[in-house]
N, C-alpha and C. Protein backbone atom coordinates (compact mmCIF):
# COMPACT_ATOMS: atom_id res chain seq x y z
N MET A 1 -24.53 39.98 -3.33
CA MET A 1 -24.18 39.03 -4.35
C MET A 1 -22.67 38.95 -4.61
N PRO A 2 -21.92 40.06 -4.55
CA PRO A 2 -20.49 39.98 -4.84
C PRO A 2 -19.76 39.00 -3.90
N ALA A 3 -20.20 38.88 -2.64
CA ALA A 3 -19.55 37.95 -1.70
C ALA A 3 -19.74 36.50 -2.15
N VAL A 4 -20.92 36.18 -2.72
CA VAL A 4 -21.19 34.83 -3.21
C VAL A 4 -20.30 34.50 -4.40
N LYS A 5 -20.16 35.46 -5.35
CA LYS A 5 -19.30 35.25 -6.51
C LYS A 5 -17.86 35.05 -6.07
N SER A 6 -17.43 35.82 -5.09
CA SER A 6 -16.07 35.72 -4.58
C SER A 6 -15.84 34.35 -3.95
N ARG A 7 -16.84 33.85 -3.21
CA ARG A 7 -16.73 32.54 -2.56
C ARG A 7 -16.62 31.44 -3.61
N TYR A 8 -17.44 31.52 -4.68
CA TYR A 8 -17.37 30.52 -5.76
C TYR A 8 -16.01 30.56 -6.45
N ALA A 9 -15.48 31.74 -6.64
CA ALA A 9 -14.16 31.87 -7.28
C ALA A 9 -13.08 31.22 -6.42
N LYS A 10 -13.16 31.41 -5.10
CA LYS A 10 -12.18 30.80 -4.19
C LYS A 10 -12.30 29.28 -4.21
N VAL A 11 -13.53 28.78 -4.16
CA VAL A 11 -13.74 27.33 -4.19
C VAL A 11 -13.21 26.75 -5.51
N ALA A 12 -13.51 27.41 -6.60
CA ALA A 12 -13.04 26.95 -7.92
C ALA A 12 -11.51 26.93 -7.96
N ALA A 13 -10.88 27.95 -7.38
CA ALA A 13 -9.41 28.01 -7.36
C ALA A 13 -8.84 26.87 -6.52
N VAL A 14 -9.41 26.60 -5.36
CA VAL A 14 -8.94 25.53 -4.49
C VAL A 14 -9.11 24.16 -5.18
N VAL A 15 -10.25 23.96 -5.81
CA VAL A 15 -10.50 22.70 -6.52
C VAL A 15 -9.51 22.54 -7.66
N SER A 16 -9.26 23.61 -8.41
CA SER A 16 -8.30 23.55 -9.52
C SER A 16 -6.90 23.21 -9.03
N ILE A 17 -6.48 23.85 -7.96
CA ILE A 17 -5.15 23.58 -7.40
C ILE A 17 -5.08 22.13 -6.92
N GLY A 18 -6.15 21.65 -6.29
CA GLY A 18 -6.20 20.26 -5.83
C GLY A 18 -6.09 19.27 -6.97
N LEU A 19 -6.79 19.54 -8.07
CA LEU A 19 -6.72 18.65 -9.24
C LEU A 19 -5.33 18.64 -9.86
N VAL A 20 -4.72 19.81 -9.95
CA VAL A 20 -3.37 19.88 -10.50
C VAL A 20 -2.40 19.15 -9.58
N ALA A 21 -2.50 19.36 -8.27
CA ALA A 21 -1.59 18.70 -7.32
C ALA A 21 -1.78 17.19 -7.32
N SER A 22 -2.99 16.75 -7.53
CA SER A 22 -3.25 15.30 -7.48
C SER A 22 -2.77 14.60 -8.73
N ALA A 23 -2.45 15.33 -9.77
CA ALA A 23 -2.03 14.70 -11.02
C ALA A 23 -0.51 14.75 -11.21
N CYS A 24 0.22 15.22 -10.21
CA CYS A 24 1.68 15.32 -10.32
C CYS A 24 2.32 13.95 -10.21
N THR A 25 3.30 13.71 -11.02
CA THR A 25 4.03 12.46 -11.01
C THR A 25 5.51 12.80 -10.89
N THR A 26 6.22 12.06 -10.05
CA THR A 26 7.66 12.25 -9.93
C THR A 26 8.37 11.00 -10.42
N SER A 27 9.61 11.16 -10.82
CA SER A 27 10.37 9.99 -11.25
C SER A 27 11.83 10.16 -10.84
N VAL A 28 12.48 9.00 -10.66
CA VAL A 28 13.88 8.96 -10.24
C VAL A 28 14.60 7.98 -11.15
N ARG A 29 15.79 8.33 -11.61
CA ARG A 29 16.59 7.41 -12.42
C ARG A 29 17.13 6.29 -11.55
N CYS A 30 16.98 5.07 -12.04
CA CYS A 30 17.53 3.88 -11.38
C CYS A 30 18.34 3.12 -12.42
N GLY A 31 19.46 3.68 -12.82
CA GLY A 31 20.23 3.10 -13.92
C GLY A 31 19.57 3.49 -15.23
N ASP A 32 19.31 2.50 -16.09
CA ASP A 32 18.71 2.77 -17.40
C ASP A 32 17.18 2.86 -17.36
N ALA A 33 16.60 2.63 -16.20
CA ALA A 33 15.14 2.73 -16.05
C ALA A 33 14.82 3.90 -15.14
N ARG A 34 13.55 4.26 -15.10
CA ARG A 34 13.08 5.31 -14.20
C ARG A 34 12.03 4.73 -13.28
N ARG A 35 12.14 5.01 -11.98
CA ARG A 35 11.08 4.63 -11.06
C ARG A 35 10.10 5.79 -11.04
N VAL A 36 8.87 5.49 -11.40
CA VAL A 36 7.83 6.52 -11.48
C VAL A 36 6.94 6.40 -10.25
N HIS A 37 6.70 7.54 -9.62
CA HIS A 37 5.80 7.59 -8.46
C HIS A 37 4.60 8.44 -8.85
N PRO A 38 3.51 7.79 -9.29
CA PRO A 38 2.32 8.56 -9.64
C PRO A 38 1.64 9.06 -8.36
N ALA A 39 1.38 10.34 -8.32
CA ALA A 39 0.75 10.92 -7.14
C ALA A 39 -0.72 11.22 -7.42
N SER A 40 -1.56 10.80 -6.53
CA SER A 40 -2.98 11.07 -6.67
C SER A 40 -3.61 11.14 -5.29
N ILE A 41 -4.41 12.13 -5.08
CA ILE A 41 -5.14 12.26 -3.82
C ILE A 41 -6.29 11.27 -3.80
N LEU A 42 -6.86 10.99 -4.95
CA LEU A 42 -8.05 10.16 -5.02
C LEU A 42 -7.77 8.66 -5.03
N PHE A 43 -6.60 8.25 -5.54
CA PHE A 43 -6.33 6.82 -5.71
C PHE A 43 -4.97 6.46 -5.11
N MET A 44 -4.86 5.24 -4.59
CA MET A 44 -3.57 4.71 -4.16
C MET A 44 -2.92 4.11 -5.40
N MET A 45 -1.79 4.62 -5.78
CA MET A 45 -1.12 4.12 -6.98
C MET A 45 0.28 3.68 -6.60
N GLU A 46 0.70 2.53 -7.12
CA GLU A 46 2.01 1.98 -6.80
C GLU A 46 3.07 2.52 -7.74
N ASP A 47 4.28 2.60 -7.21
CA ASP A 47 5.42 2.97 -8.03
C ASP A 47 5.68 1.87 -9.05
N TYR A 48 6.29 2.23 -10.16
CA TYR A 48 6.64 1.25 -11.17
C TYR A 48 7.89 1.70 -11.91
N LEU A 49 8.53 0.76 -12.60
CA LEU A 49 9.69 1.09 -13.42
C LEU A 49 9.25 1.39 -14.84
N GLU A 50 9.91 2.34 -15.44
CA GLU A 50 9.62 2.69 -16.83
C GLU A 50 10.91 2.49 -17.63
N PHE A 51 10.83 1.64 -18.64
CA PHE A 51 11.97 1.34 -19.50
C PHE A 51 11.71 1.97 -20.88
N PRO A 52 12.77 2.19 -21.65
CA PRO A 52 12.55 2.62 -23.05
C PRO A 52 11.81 1.54 -23.83
N LYS A 53 11.02 1.95 -24.82
CA LYS A 53 10.31 0.99 -25.67
C LYS A 53 11.30 0.23 -26.54
N ILE A 54 10.94 -1.01 -26.85
CA ILE A 54 11.80 -1.86 -27.67
C ILE A 54 11.15 -2.05 -29.04
N PRO A 55 11.79 -1.57 -30.10
CA PRO A 55 11.24 -1.79 -31.44
C PRO A 55 11.39 -3.26 -31.84
N LEU A 56 10.33 -3.84 -32.38
CA LEU A 56 10.34 -5.25 -32.76
C LEU A 56 10.54 -5.46 -34.25
N GLY A 57 10.75 -4.39 -35.00
CA GLY A 57 10.83 -4.48 -36.45
C GLY A 57 12.17 -4.90 -37.01
N GLU A 58 13.20 -5.08 -36.16
CA GLU A 58 14.50 -5.50 -36.65
C GLU A 58 15.22 -6.33 -35.60
N ARG A 59 16.15 -7.19 -36.08
CA ARG A 59 16.96 -8.01 -35.17
C ARG A 59 17.90 -7.08 -34.41
N LYS A 60 17.81 -7.12 -33.09
CA LYS A 60 18.63 -6.23 -32.29
C LYS A 60 18.58 -6.68 -30.84
N ALA A 61 19.63 -6.39 -30.08
CA ALA A 61 19.67 -6.71 -28.65
C ALA A 61 19.62 -5.41 -27.84
N PHE A 62 18.89 -5.47 -26.73
CA PHE A 62 18.75 -4.31 -25.84
C PHE A 62 19.14 -4.75 -24.44
N SER A 63 19.86 -3.90 -23.75
CA SER A 63 20.33 -4.22 -22.41
C SER A 63 20.08 -3.03 -21.50
N PHE A 64 19.43 -3.28 -20.37
CA PHE A 64 19.09 -2.22 -19.43
C PHE A 64 19.66 -2.56 -18.05
N HIS A 65 20.58 -1.73 -17.58
CA HIS A 65 21.16 -1.93 -16.24
C HIS A 65 20.27 -1.18 -15.25
N VAL A 66 19.81 -1.89 -14.23
CA VAL A 66 18.90 -1.30 -13.25
C VAL A 66 19.54 -1.40 -11.86
N THR A 67 19.48 -0.30 -11.12
CA THR A 67 20.01 -0.27 -9.76
C THR A 67 18.88 0.03 -8.78
N LYS A 68 19.13 -0.26 -7.53
CA LYS A 68 18.15 0.09 -6.49
C LYS A 68 18.10 1.61 -6.40
N CYS A 69 16.91 2.16 -6.42
CA CYS A 69 16.76 3.61 -6.35
C CYS A 69 17.03 4.09 -4.93
N LYS A 70 17.56 5.27 -4.83
CA LYS A 70 17.87 5.86 -3.54
C LYS A 70 16.61 5.92 -2.68
N GLY A 71 16.71 5.41 -1.48
CA GLY A 71 15.58 5.45 -0.55
C GLY A 71 14.66 4.25 -0.64
N ASP A 72 14.84 3.39 -1.65
CA ASP A 72 13.99 2.20 -1.78
C ASP A 72 14.51 1.08 -0.89
N ALA A 73 13.60 0.36 -0.26
CA ALA A 73 13.99 -0.79 0.56
C ALA A 73 14.35 -1.98 -0.33
N THR A 74 13.64 -2.12 -1.44
CA THR A 74 13.91 -3.22 -2.36
C THR A 74 13.99 -2.69 -3.77
N ILE A 75 14.48 -3.53 -4.64
CA ILE A 75 14.62 -3.16 -6.04
C ILE A 75 13.38 -3.62 -6.81
N PHE A 76 13.02 -2.93 -7.86
CA PHE A 76 11.87 -3.29 -8.69
C PHE A 76 12.35 -4.21 -9.82
N PHE A 77 11.50 -5.16 -10.21
CA PHE A 77 11.83 -6.09 -11.30
C PHE A 77 10.75 -6.07 -12.37
N PRO A 78 11.14 -6.36 -13.61
CA PRO A 78 10.14 -6.51 -14.67
C PRO A 78 9.23 -7.70 -14.37
N LYS A 79 7.94 -7.54 -14.59
CA LYS A 79 7.00 -8.62 -14.33
C LYS A 79 6.20 -9.00 -15.56
N SER A 80 6.17 -8.11 -16.54
CA SER A 80 5.40 -8.43 -17.74
C SER A 80 5.94 -7.65 -18.93
N LEU A 81 5.60 -8.15 -20.09
CA LEU A 81 5.88 -7.45 -21.34
C LEU A 81 4.55 -7.00 -21.89
N ARG A 82 4.49 -5.78 -22.38
CA ARG A 82 3.23 -5.26 -22.93
C ARG A 82 3.45 -4.84 -24.37
N MET A 83 2.40 -4.99 -25.14
CA MET A 83 2.47 -4.59 -26.54
C MET A 83 1.13 -4.00 -26.94
N ARG A 84 1.17 -2.90 -27.66
CA ARG A 84 -0.06 -2.35 -28.21
C ARG A 84 -0.42 -3.20 -29.42
N ILE A 85 -1.62 -3.71 -29.41
CA ILE A 85 -2.08 -4.54 -30.52
C ILE A 85 -3.33 -3.89 -31.11
N PRO A 86 -3.37 -3.69 -32.43
CA PRO A 86 -4.56 -3.10 -33.03
C PRO A 86 -5.81 -3.91 -32.67
N LYS A 87 -6.91 -3.19 -32.48
CA LYS A 87 -8.16 -3.82 -32.05
C LYS A 87 -8.55 -5.01 -32.92
N ALA A 88 -8.35 -4.91 -34.20
CA ALA A 88 -8.74 -5.99 -35.12
C ALA A 88 -7.92 -7.26 -34.88
N GLU A 89 -6.78 -7.13 -34.18
CA GLU A 89 -5.90 -8.28 -33.95
C GLU A 89 -5.96 -8.80 -32.52
N LEU A 90 -6.88 -8.31 -31.71
CA LEU A 90 -6.90 -8.66 -30.29
C LEU A 90 -7.40 -10.06 -29.96
N ASP A 91 -7.99 -10.76 -30.89
CA ASP A 91 -8.43 -12.13 -30.60
C ASP A 91 -7.20 -13.03 -30.61
N LEU A 92 -6.63 -13.26 -29.42
CA LEU A 92 -5.39 -14.01 -29.31
C LEU A 92 -5.62 -15.51 -29.38
N THR A 93 -6.87 -15.95 -29.44
CA THR A 93 -7.15 -17.39 -29.51
C THR A 93 -6.98 -17.91 -30.92
N GLN A 94 -6.97 -17.02 -31.89
CA GLN A 94 -6.87 -17.45 -33.28
C GLN A 94 -5.51 -17.08 -33.84
N SER A 95 -4.86 -18.05 -34.44
CA SER A 95 -3.62 -17.76 -35.14
C SER A 95 -4.03 -17.20 -36.50
N SER A 96 -3.54 -16.02 -36.78
CA SER A 96 -3.98 -15.36 -38.00
C SER A 96 -2.80 -14.78 -38.76
N HIS A 97 -2.88 -14.82 -40.06
CA HIS A 97 -1.85 -14.22 -40.88
C HIS A 97 -1.97 -12.70 -40.87
N ASP A 98 -3.06 -12.19 -40.31
CA ASP A 98 -3.26 -10.75 -40.22
C ASP A 98 -2.61 -10.18 -38.96
N GLN A 99 -1.85 -10.99 -38.25
CA GLN A 99 -1.19 -10.55 -37.02
C GLN A 99 0.33 -10.65 -37.23
N PRO A 100 0.93 -9.63 -37.85
CA PRO A 100 2.35 -9.71 -38.21
C PRO A 100 3.28 -9.86 -37.02
N TRP A 101 2.84 -9.46 -35.82
CA TRP A 101 3.68 -9.55 -34.63
C TRP A 101 3.85 -11.00 -34.17
N ARG A 102 2.98 -11.91 -34.63
CA ARG A 102 3.04 -13.31 -34.19
C ARG A 102 4.32 -14.03 -34.61
N ILE A 103 5.01 -13.54 -35.63
CA ILE A 103 6.23 -14.22 -36.07
C ILE A 103 7.44 -13.86 -35.21
N THR A 104 7.27 -12.92 -34.28
CA THR A 104 8.38 -12.42 -33.47
C THR A 104 8.89 -13.48 -32.48
N LEU A 105 10.20 -13.59 -32.39
CA LEU A 105 10.85 -14.48 -31.44
C LEU A 105 11.82 -13.64 -30.62
N LEU A 106 11.71 -13.74 -29.29
CA LEU A 106 12.54 -12.94 -28.38
C LEU A 106 13.34 -13.85 -27.45
N ARG A 107 14.42 -13.33 -26.92
CA ARG A 107 15.11 -13.96 -25.79
C ARG A 107 15.13 -12.88 -24.71
N VAL A 108 14.63 -13.26 -23.53
CA VAL A 108 14.56 -12.34 -22.40
C VAL A 108 15.42 -12.91 -21.28
N SER A 109 16.31 -12.09 -20.72
CA SER A 109 17.22 -12.56 -19.67
C SER A 109 17.31 -11.54 -18.55
N LEU A 110 17.49 -12.05 -17.35
CA LEU A 110 17.75 -11.22 -16.18
C LEU A 110 19.11 -11.68 -15.66
N VAL A 111 20.08 -10.78 -15.66
CA VAL A 111 21.45 -11.12 -15.30
C VAL A 111 21.82 -10.41 -14.00
N GLY A 112 22.32 -11.18 -13.05
CA GLY A 112 22.73 -10.61 -11.76
C GLY A 112 24.01 -9.81 -11.89
N PRO A 113 24.39 -9.09 -10.82
CA PRO A 113 25.59 -8.26 -10.88
C PRO A 113 26.87 -9.08 -11.07
N ASP A 114 26.82 -10.38 -10.74
CA ASP A 114 27.99 -11.24 -10.92
C ASP A 114 28.06 -11.84 -12.32
N GLY A 115 27.11 -11.50 -13.21
CA GLY A 115 27.10 -12.00 -14.58
C GLY A 115 26.33 -13.29 -14.77
N ARG A 116 25.82 -13.88 -13.68
CA ARG A 116 25.03 -15.12 -13.79
C ARG A 116 23.63 -14.80 -14.28
N LYS A 117 23.13 -15.65 -15.20
CA LYS A 117 21.76 -15.47 -15.69
C LYS A 117 20.80 -16.07 -14.65
N LEU A 118 19.93 -15.24 -14.11
CA LEU A 118 18.94 -15.68 -13.13
C LEU A 118 17.64 -16.09 -13.81
N TYR A 119 17.48 -15.62 -15.03
CA TYR A 119 16.28 -15.92 -15.81
C TYR A 119 16.69 -15.83 -17.27
N ASP A 120 16.28 -16.81 -18.05
CA ASP A 120 16.61 -16.81 -19.47
C ASP A 120 15.54 -17.60 -20.19
N GLN A 121 14.81 -16.94 -21.08
CA GLN A 121 13.71 -17.62 -21.75
C GLN A 121 13.56 -17.09 -23.17
N LYS A 122 13.33 -18.02 -24.09
CA LYS A 122 12.94 -17.63 -25.44
C LYS A 122 11.43 -17.49 -25.44
N ILE A 123 10.94 -16.46 -26.09
CA ILE A 123 9.51 -16.20 -26.15
C ILE A 123 9.09 -16.09 -27.61
N ASN A 124 8.24 -17.01 -28.03
CA ASN A 124 7.69 -17.01 -29.37
C ASN A 124 6.30 -16.40 -29.25
N LEU A 125 6.09 -15.24 -29.84
CA LEU A 125 4.80 -14.57 -29.65
C LEU A 125 3.63 -15.35 -30.27
N ALA A 126 3.90 -16.25 -31.20
CA ALA A 126 2.83 -17.06 -31.79
C ALA A 126 2.29 -18.09 -30.81
N THR A 127 3.15 -18.60 -29.93
CA THR A 127 2.71 -19.68 -29.03
C THR A 127 2.74 -19.31 -27.56
N ASP A 128 3.59 -18.38 -27.16
CA ASP A 128 3.77 -18.08 -25.73
C ASP A 128 2.95 -16.90 -25.23
N TRP A 129 2.36 -16.15 -26.13
CA TRP A 129 1.62 -14.94 -25.73
C TRP A 129 0.28 -15.36 -25.16
N LYS A 130 0.26 -15.58 -23.85
CA LYS A 130 -0.95 -16.05 -23.18
C LYS A 130 -1.70 -14.93 -22.48
N GLY A 131 -1.08 -13.78 -22.40
CA GLY A 131 -1.76 -12.66 -21.77
C GLY A 131 -2.98 -12.32 -22.59
N GLY A 132 -3.73 -11.41 -22.19
CA GLY A 132 -4.89 -11.01 -22.97
C GLY A 132 -5.00 -9.51 -22.89
N ALA A 133 -5.86 -8.98 -23.66
CA ALA A 133 -6.08 -7.55 -23.58
C ALA A 133 -6.90 -7.26 -22.34
N GLU A 134 -6.53 -6.23 -21.63
CA GLU A 134 -7.30 -5.83 -20.46
C GLU A 134 -8.49 -5.01 -20.94
N VAL A 135 -9.58 -5.13 -20.24
CA VAL A 135 -10.77 -4.35 -20.61
C VAL A 135 -10.43 -2.87 -20.56
N GLY A 136 -10.75 -2.19 -21.63
CA GLY A 136 -10.51 -0.75 -21.69
C GLY A 136 -9.05 -0.37 -21.96
N SER A 137 -8.20 -1.35 -22.24
CA SER A 137 -6.79 -1.07 -22.45
C SER A 137 -6.42 -1.28 -23.92
N LYS A 138 -5.37 -0.59 -24.34
CA LYS A 138 -4.86 -0.77 -25.69
C LYS A 138 -3.76 -1.83 -25.69
N TYR A 139 -3.43 -2.35 -24.51
CA TYR A 139 -2.32 -3.27 -24.37
C TYR A 139 -2.77 -4.72 -24.27
N SER A 140 -1.88 -5.58 -24.66
CA SER A 140 -1.99 -6.99 -24.35
C SER A 140 -0.72 -7.29 -23.57
N LYS A 141 -0.80 -8.14 -22.56
CA LYS A 141 0.34 -8.39 -21.70
C LYS A 141 0.80 -9.83 -21.77
N LEU A 142 2.08 -10.02 -21.54
CA LEU A 142 2.66 -11.34 -21.38
C LEU A 142 3.36 -11.31 -20.02
N TRP A 143 2.94 -12.16 -19.11
CA TRP A 143 3.53 -12.19 -17.79
C TRP A 143 4.81 -13.01 -17.82
N LEU A 144 5.85 -12.51 -17.16
CA LEU A 144 7.12 -13.21 -17.07
C LEU A 144 7.13 -14.05 -15.80
N LYS A 145 7.70 -15.24 -15.88
CA LYS A 145 7.80 -16.10 -14.71
C LYS A 145 9.22 -16.00 -14.17
N LEU A 146 9.49 -14.91 -13.47
CA LEU A 146 10.81 -14.71 -12.89
C LEU A 146 10.96 -15.59 -11.65
N PRO A 147 12.21 -15.87 -11.23
CA PRO A 147 12.40 -16.64 -10.01
C PRO A 147 11.75 -15.90 -8.84
N GLY A 148 11.48 -16.59 -7.77
CA GLY A 148 10.80 -16.00 -6.61
C GLY A 148 11.37 -14.66 -6.20
N GLU A 149 10.49 -13.77 -5.80
CA GLU A 149 10.89 -12.42 -5.39
C GLU A 149 11.92 -12.47 -4.26
N ALA A 150 11.80 -13.47 -3.37
CA ALA A 150 12.74 -13.57 -2.24
C ALA A 150 14.16 -13.77 -2.75
N LYS A 151 14.33 -14.55 -3.81
CA LYS A 151 15.65 -14.81 -4.38
C LYS A 151 16.24 -13.54 -4.97
N LEU A 152 15.39 -12.71 -5.54
CA LEU A 152 15.85 -11.50 -6.22
C LEU A 152 15.97 -10.30 -5.27
N ALA A 153 15.27 -10.34 -4.15
CA ALA A 153 15.18 -9.18 -3.26
C ALA A 153 16.53 -8.71 -2.73
N SER A 154 17.50 -9.60 -2.63
CA SER A 154 18.79 -9.22 -2.07
C SER A 154 19.68 -8.48 -3.09
N LEU A 155 19.28 -8.48 -4.35
CA LEU A 155 20.10 -7.82 -5.37
C LEU A 155 20.07 -6.30 -5.23
N GLU A 156 21.21 -5.69 -5.48
CA GLU A 156 21.31 -4.23 -5.49
C GLU A 156 21.20 -3.70 -6.92
N SER A 157 21.48 -4.59 -7.88
CA SER A 157 21.39 -4.20 -9.29
C SER A 157 21.23 -5.46 -10.14
N TYR A 158 20.83 -5.25 -11.39
CA TYR A 158 20.71 -6.34 -12.35
C TYR A 158 20.71 -5.74 -13.75
N THR A 159 20.84 -6.62 -14.74
CA THR A 159 20.73 -6.20 -16.13
C THR A 159 19.60 -6.99 -16.76
N PHE A 160 18.67 -6.29 -17.40
CA PHE A 160 17.55 -6.94 -18.08
C PHE A 160 17.83 -6.85 -19.57
N GLN A 161 17.85 -8.00 -20.24
CA GLN A 161 18.20 -8.05 -21.65
C GLN A 161 17.02 -8.57 -22.46
N VAL A 162 16.79 -7.94 -23.60
CA VAL A 162 15.79 -8.40 -24.56
C VAL A 162 16.48 -8.43 -25.92
N GLU A 163 16.45 -9.59 -26.54
CA GLU A 163 17.04 -9.73 -27.87
C GLU A 163 15.94 -10.13 -28.84
N VAL A 164 15.79 -9.35 -29.90
CA VAL A 164 14.82 -9.67 -30.94
C VAL A 164 15.52 -10.62 -31.90
N LEU A 165 15.19 -11.92 -31.81
CA LEU A 165 15.83 -12.94 -32.64
C LEU A 165 15.18 -13.03 -34.02
N ARG A 166 13.85 -12.87 -34.06
CA ARG A 166 13.11 -12.86 -35.33
C ARG A 166 12.13 -11.68 -35.23
N PRO A 167 12.32 -10.67 -36.09
CA PRO A 167 11.51 -9.45 -35.98
C PRO A 167 10.06 -9.64 -36.41
N SER A 168 9.25 -8.70 -35.97
CA SER A 168 7.84 -8.65 -36.35
C SER A 168 7.73 -8.35 -37.85
N GLY A 169 6.62 -8.76 -38.42
CA GLY A 169 6.36 -8.45 -39.82
C GLY A 169 5.93 -7.01 -40.02
N ARG A 170 5.74 -6.28 -38.92
CA ARG A 170 5.34 -4.86 -38.99
C ARG A 170 6.41 -4.06 -38.25
N ARG A 171 7.11 -3.21 -38.96
CA ARG A 171 8.23 -2.47 -38.37
C ARG A 171 7.82 -1.55 -37.22
N ALA A 172 6.59 -1.13 -37.18
CA ALA A 172 6.14 -0.18 -36.15
C ALA A 172 5.85 -0.82 -34.80
N ASP A 173 5.81 -2.16 -34.72
CA ASP A 173 5.49 -2.83 -33.46
C ASP A 173 6.57 -2.57 -32.41
N THR A 174 6.15 -2.29 -31.19
CA THR A 174 7.07 -2.08 -30.09
C THR A 174 6.63 -2.89 -28.88
N LEU A 175 7.57 -3.14 -28.00
CA LEU A 175 7.33 -3.88 -26.79
C LEU A 175 7.68 -2.99 -25.62
N GLU A 176 6.91 -3.07 -24.56
CA GLU A 176 7.20 -2.32 -23.35
C GLU A 176 7.43 -3.29 -22.21
N ILE A 177 8.44 -3.00 -21.40
CA ILE A 177 8.74 -3.79 -20.22
C ILE A 177 8.02 -3.13 -19.06
N SER A 178 7.32 -3.92 -18.26
CA SER A 178 6.55 -3.36 -17.16
C SER A 178 6.89 -4.05 -15.85
N SER A 179 6.98 -3.28 -14.77
CA SER A 179 7.18 -3.86 -13.45
C SER A 179 5.84 -4.04 -12.73
N GLU A 180 4.75 -3.89 -13.48
CA GLU A 180 3.41 -4.09 -12.93
C GLU A 180 2.84 -5.39 -13.49
N TYR A 181 1.98 -6.04 -12.73
CA TYR A 181 1.29 -7.23 -13.24
C TYR A 181 0.08 -6.80 -14.03
């Protein structure tokens, strides 16, 4: 019997090490953002950029300089804005006074290294928030319509700007920039 117990202990140790190894994530600084490489043995996961959260409770401008990460063939770009929305407020088809984030007005810009604006859009969360909550997610997303990837692919760096022109009615609301769809 001791040989069987020893074998189970070895299998348990190997499985534990495998689970720990499969959950490791690495990240690399790419200017003001981080490129995150989630590692998993079980799933194919794509790299993504991680930006600091943007508080929506006050008028303020945020600027993030992003560079091509070492070893990357292309640079990553923001593709959507995400916001945690309380479950009671997730029905985006109804304009409601119980949704303090709806009064928020943003200006989102992508500026090339030469200072030219490649993308510039005002976003009114009351009318432009067409994303929806994903099943099983705490987020609601707003997809950005950036110029074609081919036009942006040649860039070595850019600056992504978000300006809160009209703050949310709830100071705790935050926005996340995502390079994932």
